[in-house]
């Protein structure tokens, strides 16, 4: 899952400032500490230049708020239900988790799209292949697809038990380091 898609998904909840978007993407995808905040800001700049995101005012303390344009909203709508069969494991998991965290998002449609993608894996390598690496590659794909299908079962069971969707977090993170306590 691309950082771009994660940013747009978070902004589908409403206007947000850069570090707020960063925190939301990381916590909703369970990727704490893996996305550089600078990457968020550079992606927001690119999204603005492509007319997908606009500046939509400022916070009370002067931070710019970013919001989706109609084009950005259309891109998010498509992304919410489109499985990426070439996605790596962490991108696949992040995509499902982020969509599950969005109120009103069609997470069941996304799960079904991923089920279809992971159900269409090759059973055996080409019979004409004498390449042992082809056999191992096919085996790995089959095992990962089976794991993905089992995990999607767990996701659906969990979603049936409780609500995972939540609005944007309005709690502002503390900036800078905490003051050092003197031992005297």
C-alpha atoms as a PDB file:
ATOM      1  CA  UNK A   1       0.000   0.000   0.000  1.00  0.00           C
ATOM      2  CA  UNK A   2       1.404   3.362  -0.933  1.00  0.00           C
ATOM      3  CA  UNK A   3       1.878   6.242   1.455  1.00  0.00           C
ATOM      4  CA  UNK A   4      -0.132   8.273  -1.046  1.00  0.00           C
ATOM      5  CA  UNK A   5      -3.149   5.978  -0.645  1.00  0.00           C
ATOM      6  CA  UNK A   6      -2.853   6.041   3.145  1.00  0.00           C
ATOM      7  CA  UNK A   7      -2.767   9.839   3.194  1.00  0.00           C
ATOM      8  CA  UNK A   8      -5.795  10.102   0.940  1.00  0.00           C
ATOM      9  CA  UNK A   9      -7.701   7.559   3.026  1.00  0.00           C
ATOM     10  CA  UNK A  10      -7.021   9.516   6.225  1.00  0.00           C
ATOM     11  CA  UNK A  11      -8.016  12.786   4.560  1.00  0.00           C
ATOM     12  CA  UNK A  12     -11.322  11.166   3.549  1.00  0.00           C
ATOM     13  CA  UNK A  13     -12.245  11.644   7.221  1.00  0.00           C
ATOM     14  CA  UNK A  14     -11.804  15.413   6.955  1.00  0.00           C
ATOM     15  CA  UNK A  15      -9.126  18.100   6.926  1.00  0.00           C
ATOM     16  CA  UNK A  16      -5.963  17.298   8.877  1.00  0.00           C
ATOM     17  CA  UNK A  17      -2.462  18.715   9.384  1.00  0.00           C
ATOM     18  CA  UNK A  18       0.693  16.885   8.320  1.00  0.00           C
ATOM     19  CA  UNK A  19       1.835  15.254  11.545  1.00  0.00           C
ATOM     20  CA  UNK A  20      -1.762  14.308  12.320  1.00  0.00           C
ATOM     21  CA  UNK A  21      -1.935  12.504   8.963  1.00  0.00           C
ATOM     22  CA  UNK A  22       1.394  10.816   9.765  1.00  0.00           C
ATOM     23  CA  UNK A  23       0.171   9.515  13.131  1.00  0.00           C
ATOM     24  CA  UNK A  24      -3.151   8.357  11.725  1.00  0.00           C
ATOM     25  CA  UNK A  25      -1.581   6.421   8.857  1.00  0.00           C
ATOM     26  CA  UNK A  26       0.908   4.707  11.162  1.00  0.00           C
ATOM     27  CA  UNK A  27      -1.578   3.741  13.887  1.00  0.00           C
ATOM     28  CA  UNK A  28      -4.353   2.652  11.543  1.00  0.00           C
ATOM     29  CA  UNK A  29      -1.939   0.442   9.573  1.00  0.00           C
ATOM     30  CA  UNK A  30      -0.064  -0.776  12.672  1.00  0.00           C
ATOM     31  CA  UNK A  31       3.207   0.501  11.169  1.00  0.00           C
ATOM     32  CA  UNK A  32       4.497   2.577  14.075  1.00  0.00           C
ATOM     33  CA  UNK A  33       7.757   4.272  13.253  1.00  0.00           C
ATOM     34  CA  UNK A  34       8.094   3.062   9.682  1.00  0.00           C
ATOM     35  CA  UNK A  35       6.989   6.133   7.730  1.00  0.00           C
ATOM     36  CA  UNK A  36       9.216   9.189   7.811  1.00  0.00           C
ATOM     37  CA  UNK A  37       7.203  12.325   8.563  1.00  0.00           C
ATOM     38  CA  UNK A  38       9.137  14.096   5.800  1.00  0.00           C
ATOM     39  CA  UNK A  39       7.749  11.552   3.351  1.00  0.00           C
ATOM     40  CA  UNK A  40       4.241  12.573   4.431  1.00  0.00           C
ATOM     41  CA  UNK A  41       4.930  16.251   3.781  1.00  0.00           C
ATOM     42  CA  UNK A  42       6.634  15.663   0.413  1.00  0.00           C
ATOM     43  CA  UNK A  43       3.734  13.436  -0.653  1.00  0.00           C
ATOM     44  CA  UNK A  44       1.237  16.101   0.455  1.00  0.00           C
ATOM     45  CA  UNK A  45       3.140  18.630  -1.686  1.00  0.00           C
ATOM     46  CA  UNK A  46       2.964  16.313  -4.707  1.00  0.00           C
ATOM     47  CA  UNK A  47      -0.728  15.666  -4.093  1.00  0.00           C
ATOM     48  CA  UNK A  48      -1.329  19.418  -4.075  1.00  0.00           C
ATOM     49  CA  UNK A  49       0.534  19.863  -7.363  1.00  0.00           C
ATOM     50  CA  UNK A  50      -1.653  17.118  -8.902  1.00  0.00           C
ATOM     51  CA  UNK A  51      -4.856  18.799  -7.603  1.00  0.00           C
ATOM     52  CA  UNK A  52      -5.752  15.835  -5.417  1.00  0.00           C
ATOM     53  CA  UNK A  53      -5.306  17.739  -2.124  1.00  0.00           C
ATOM     54  CA  UNK A  54      -5.755  21.429  -1.294  1.00  0.00           C
ATOM     55  CA  UNK A  55      -4.932  23.623   1.681  1.00  0.00           C
ATOM     56  CA  UNK A  56      -8.117  24.110   3.671  1.00  0.00           C
ATOM     57  CA  UNK A  57      -7.323  26.667   6.347  1.00  0.00           C
ATOM     58  CA  UNK A  58      -5.103  26.551   9.402  1.00  0.00           C
ATOM     59  CA  UNK A  59      -5.241  25.147  12.913  1.00  0.00           C
ATOM     60  CA  UNK A  60      -5.518  27.622  15.796  1.00  0.00           C
ATOM     61  CA  UNK A  61      -1.729  27.545  16.141  1.00  0.00           C
ATOM     62  CA  UNK A  62      -0.994  28.035  12.447  1.00  0.00           C
ATOM     63  CA  UNK A  63      -0.546  24.536  11.027  1.00  0.00           C
ATOM     64  CA  UNK A  64      -1.873  24.088   7.479  1.00  0.00           C
ATOM     65  CA  UNK A  65      -4.869  21.804   7.101  1.00  0.00           C
ATOM     66  CA  UNK A  66      -5.026  19.565   4.044  1.00  0.00           C
ATOM     67  CA  UNK A  67      -8.277  18.363   2.455  1.00  0.00           C
ATOM     68  CA  UNK A  68      -9.281  16.236  -0.515  1.00  0.00           C
ATOM     69  CA  UNK A  69     -10.460  17.686  -3.799  1.00  0.00           C
ATOM     70  CA  UNK A  70     -13.205  15.950  -5.791  1.00  0.00           C
ATOM     71  CA  UNK A  71     -10.452  14.167  -7.738  1.00  0.00           C
ATOM     72  CA  UNK A  72      -8.853  13.007  -4.468  1.00  0.00           C
ATOM     73  CA  UNK A  73     -12.177  11.774  -3.128  1.00  0.00           C
ATOM     74  CA  UNK A  74     -12.762   9.777  -6.343  1.00  0.00           C
ATOM     75  CA  UNK A  75      -9.307   8.207  -6.017  1.00  0.00           C
ATOM     76  CA  UNK A  76     -10.018   7.165  -2.419  1.00  0.00           C
ATOM     77  CA  UNK A  77     -13.419   5.723  -3.360  1.00  0.00           C
ATOM     78  CA  UNK A  78     -11.776   3.439  -5.919  1.00  0.00           C
ATOM     79  CA  UNK A  79      -8.916   2.453  -3.585  1.00  0.00           C
ATOM     80  CA  UNK A  80     -11.302   1.429  -0.803  1.00  0.00           C
ATOM     81  CA  UNK A  81     -12.488  -1.623  -2.736  1.00  0.00           C
ATOM     82  CA  UNK A  82      -9.597  -2.499  -5.076  1.00  0.00           C
ATOM     83  CA  UNK A  83      -7.295  -5.309  -4.006  1.00  0.00           C
ATOM     84  CA  UNK A  84      -3.703  -5.159  -5.167  1.00  0.00           C
ATOM     85  CA  UNK A  85      -2.760  -8.775  -5.928  1.00  0.00           C
ATOM     86  CA  UNK A  86       0.934  -7.807  -6.243  1.00  0.00           C
ATOM     87  CA  UNK A  87       1.050  -6.150  -2.815  1.00  0.00           C
ATOM     88  CA  UNK A  88       3.523  -7.484  -0.304  1.00  0.00           C
ATOM     89  CA  UNK A  89       2.258  -8.884   2.967  1.00  0.00           C
ATOM     90  CA  UNK A  90       2.623  -5.690   5.037  1.00  0.00           C
ATOM     91  CA  UNK A  91       0.989  -3.587   2.305  1.00  0.00           C
ATOM     92  CA  UNK A  92      -1.908  -6.043   2.067  1.00  0.00           C
ATOM     93  CA  UNK A  93      -2.399  -6.049   5.852  1.00  0.00           C
ATOM     94  CA  UNK A  94      -2.046  -2.261   6.053  1.00  0.00           C
ATOM     95  CA  UNK A  95      -4.631  -1.754   3.318  1.00  0.00           C
ATOM     96  CA  UNK A  96      -7.227  -3.942   5.045  1.00  0.00           C
ATOM     97  CA  UNK A  97      -6.542  -2.466   8.500  1.00  0.00           C
ATOM     98  CA  UNK A  98      -6.711   1.129   7.286  1.00  0.00           C
ATOM     99  CA  UNK A  99      -9.990   0.575   5.422  1.00  0.00           C
ATOM    100  CA  UNK A 100     -11.440  -1.232   8.457  1.00  0.00           C
ATOM    101  CA  UNK A 101     -10.607   1.840  10.562  1.00  0.00           C
ATOM    102  CA  UNK A 102     -12.596   4.245   8.356  1.00  0.00           C
ATOM    103  CA  UNK A 103     -16.220   4.826   9.421  1.00  0.00           C
ATOM    104  CA  UNK A 104     -18.619   3.720   6.699  1.00  0.00           C
ATOM    105  CA  UNK A 105     -15.898   2.280   4.460  1.00  0.00           C
ATOM    106  CA  UNK A 106     -16.801  -0.812   2.399  1.00  0.00           C
ATOM    107  CA  UNK A 107     -14.336  -3.123   4.151  1.00  0.00           C
ATOM    108  CA  UNK A 108     -16.385  -6.212   3.224  1.00  0.00           C
ATOM    109  CA  UNK A 109     -15.996  -5.343  -0.468  1.00  0.00           C
ATOM    110  CA  UNK A 110     -12.222  -4.989  -0.046  1.00  0.00           C
ATOM    111  CA  UNK A 111     -12.008  -8.303   1.808  1.00  0.00           C
ATOM    112  CA  UNK A 112     -13.931 -10.012  -0.995  1.00  0.00           C
ATOM    113  CA  UNK A 113     -11.634  -8.448  -3.606  1.00  0.00           C
ATOM    114  CA  UNK A 114      -8.582  -9.781  -1.738  1.00  0.00           C
ATOM    115  CA  UNK A 115     -10.250 -13.190  -1.367  1.00  0.00           C
ATOM    116  CA  UNK A 116     -10.693 -13.361  -5.135  1.00  0.00           C
ATOM    117  CA  UNK A 117      -7.096 -12.260  -5.706  1.00  0.00           C
ATOM    118  CA  UNK A 118      -5.690 -14.852  -3.297  1.00  0.00           C
ATOM    119  CA  UNK A 119      -7.951 -17.626  -4.582  1.00  0.00           C
ATOM    120  CA  UNK A 120      -6.567 -17.368  -8.113  1.00  0.00           C
ATOM    121  CA  UNK A 121      -3.037 -18.582  -7.349  1.00  0.00           C
ATOM    122  CA  UNK A 122      -1.396 -21.268  -9.447  1.00  0.00           C
ATOM    123  CA  UNK A 123      -1.687 -24.755  -8.002  1.00  0.00           C
ATOM    124  CA  UNK A 124       1.419 -26.291  -9.472  1.00  0.00           C
ATOM    125  CA  UNK A 125       4.292 -25.014 -11.637  1.00  0.00           C
ATOM    126  CA  UNK A 126       4.205 -25.632 -15.375  1.00  0.00           C
ATOM    127  CA  UNK A 127       4.674 -29.375 -15.969  1.00  0.00           C
ATOM    128  CA  UNK A 128       7.387 -28.613 -18.521  1.00  0.00           C
ATOM    129  CA  UNK A 129       9.459 -26.817 -15.908  1.00  0.00           C
ATOM    130  CA  UNK A 130      12.520 -28.562 -14.581  1.00  0.00           C
ATOM    131  CA  UNK A 131      13.431 -25.489 -12.585  1.00  0.00           C
ATOM    132  CA  UNK A 132      13.418 -26.263  -8.842  1.00  0.00           C
ATOM    133  CA  UNK A 133      13.189 -22.527  -8.132  1.00  0.00           C
ATOM    134  CA  UNK A 134       9.903 -22.366 -10.051  1.00  0.00           C
ATOM    135  CA  UNK A 135       8.558 -25.149  -7.842  1.00  0.00           C
ATOM    136  CA  UNK A 136       9.648 -23.302  -4.686  1.00  0.00           C
ATOM    137  CA  UNK A 137       8.258 -20.005  -5.973  1.00  0.00           C
ATOM    138  CA  UNK A 138       4.879 -21.546  -6.717  1.00  0.00           C
ATOM    139  CA  UNK A 139       4.876 -23.213  -3.313  1.00  0.00           C
ATOM    140  CA  UNK A 140       5.615 -19.899  -1.581  1.00  0.00           C
ATOM    141  CA  UNK A 141       2.814 -18.158  -3.465  1.00  0.00           C
ATOM    142  CA  UNK A 142       0.357 -20.922  -2.569  1.00  0.00           C
ATOM    143  CA  UNK A 143       1.345 -20.829   1.129  1.00  0.00           C
ATOM    144  CA  UNK A 144       1.144 -17.024   1.338  1.00  0.00           C
ATOM    145  CA  UNK A 145      -2.247 -17.012  -0.373  1.00  0.00           C
ATOM    146  CA  UNK A 146      -3.535 -19.643   2.041  1.00  0.00           C
ATOM    147  CA  UNK A 147      -2.275 -17.544   4.955  1.00  0.00           C
ATOM    148  CA  UNK A 148      -3.904 -14.435   3.504  1.00  0.00           C
ATOM    149  CA  UNK A 149      -7.249 -16.219   3.193  1.00  0.00           C
ATOM    150  CA  UNK A 150      -7.040 -17.468   6.813  1.00  0.00           C
ATOM    151  CA  UNK A 151      -6.149 -13.953   8.028  1.00  0.00           C
ATOM    152  CA  UNK A 152      -9.093 -12.484   6.094  1.00  0.00           C
ATOM    153  CA  UNK A 153     -11.328 -14.997   7.920  1.00  0.00           C
ATOM    154  CA  UNK A 154      -9.959 -13.663  11.222  1.00  0.00           C
ATOM    155  CA  UNK A 155     -10.566 -10.080  10.127  1.00  0.00           C
ATOM    156  CA  UNK A 156     -14.180 -10.823   9.247  1.00  0.00           C
ATOM    157  CA  UNK A 157     -14.708 -12.626  12.565  1.00  0.00           C
ATOM    158  CA  UNK A 158     -13.210  -9.688  14.484  1.00  0.00           C
ATOM    159  CA  UNK A 159     -15.277  -7.134  12.573  1.00  0.00           C
ATOM    160  CA  UNK A 160     -18.425  -9.128  13.342  1.00  0.00           C
ATOM    161  CA  UNK A 161     -17.598  -8.910  17.073  1.00  0.00           C
ATOM    162  CA  UNK A 162     -16.914  -5.190  17.358  1.00  0.00           C
ATOM    163  CA  UNK A 163     -16.411  -1.809  15.776  1.00  0.00           C
ATOM    164  CA  UNK A 164     -12.939  -0.927  14.560  1.00  0.00           C
ATOM    165  CA  UNK A 165     -13.798   2.267  12.701  1.00  0.00           C
ATOM    166  CA  UNK A 166     -12.926   5.555  14.362  1.00  0.00           C
ATOM    167  CA  UNK A 167     -12.841   9.257  13.499  1.00  0.00           C
ATOM    168  CA  UNK A 168      -9.707  11.375  13.215  1.00  0.00           C
ATOM    169  CA  UNK A 169      -7.891  11.681  16.525  1.00  0.00           C
ATOM    170  CA  UNK A 170      -8.009  15.295  17.670  1.00  0.00           C
ATOM    171  CA  UNK A 171      -5.401  14.870  20.439  1.00  0.00           C
ATOM    172  CA  UNK A 172      -2.330  16.887  19.499  1.00  0.00           C
ATOM    173  CA  UNK A 173       1.007  15.130  20.012  1.00  0.00           C
ATOM    174  CA  UNK A 174       3.506  16.891  22.222  1.00  0.00           C
ATOM    175  CA  UNK A 175       6.301  18.515  20.321  1.00  0.00           C
ATOM    176  CA  UNK A 176       9.932  18.279  21.304  1.00  0.00           C
ATOM    177  CA  UNK A 177      11.497  16.499  24.215  1.00  0.00           C
ATOM    178  CA  UNK A 178      10.109  16.435  27.673  1.00  0.00           C
ATOM    179  CA  UNK A 179      12.008  18.615  30.143  1.00  0.00           C
ATOM    180  CA  UNK A 180      14.663  16.776  32.104  1.00  0.00           C
ATOM    181  CA  UNK A 181      13.911  16.365  35.785  1.00  0.00           C
ATOM    182  CA  UNK A 182      16.739  17.523  38.046  1.00  0.00           C
ATOM    183  CA  UNK A 183      17.807  14.976  40.634  1.00  0.00           C
ATOM    184  CA  UNK A 184      18.677  17.702  43.173  1.00  0.00           C
END
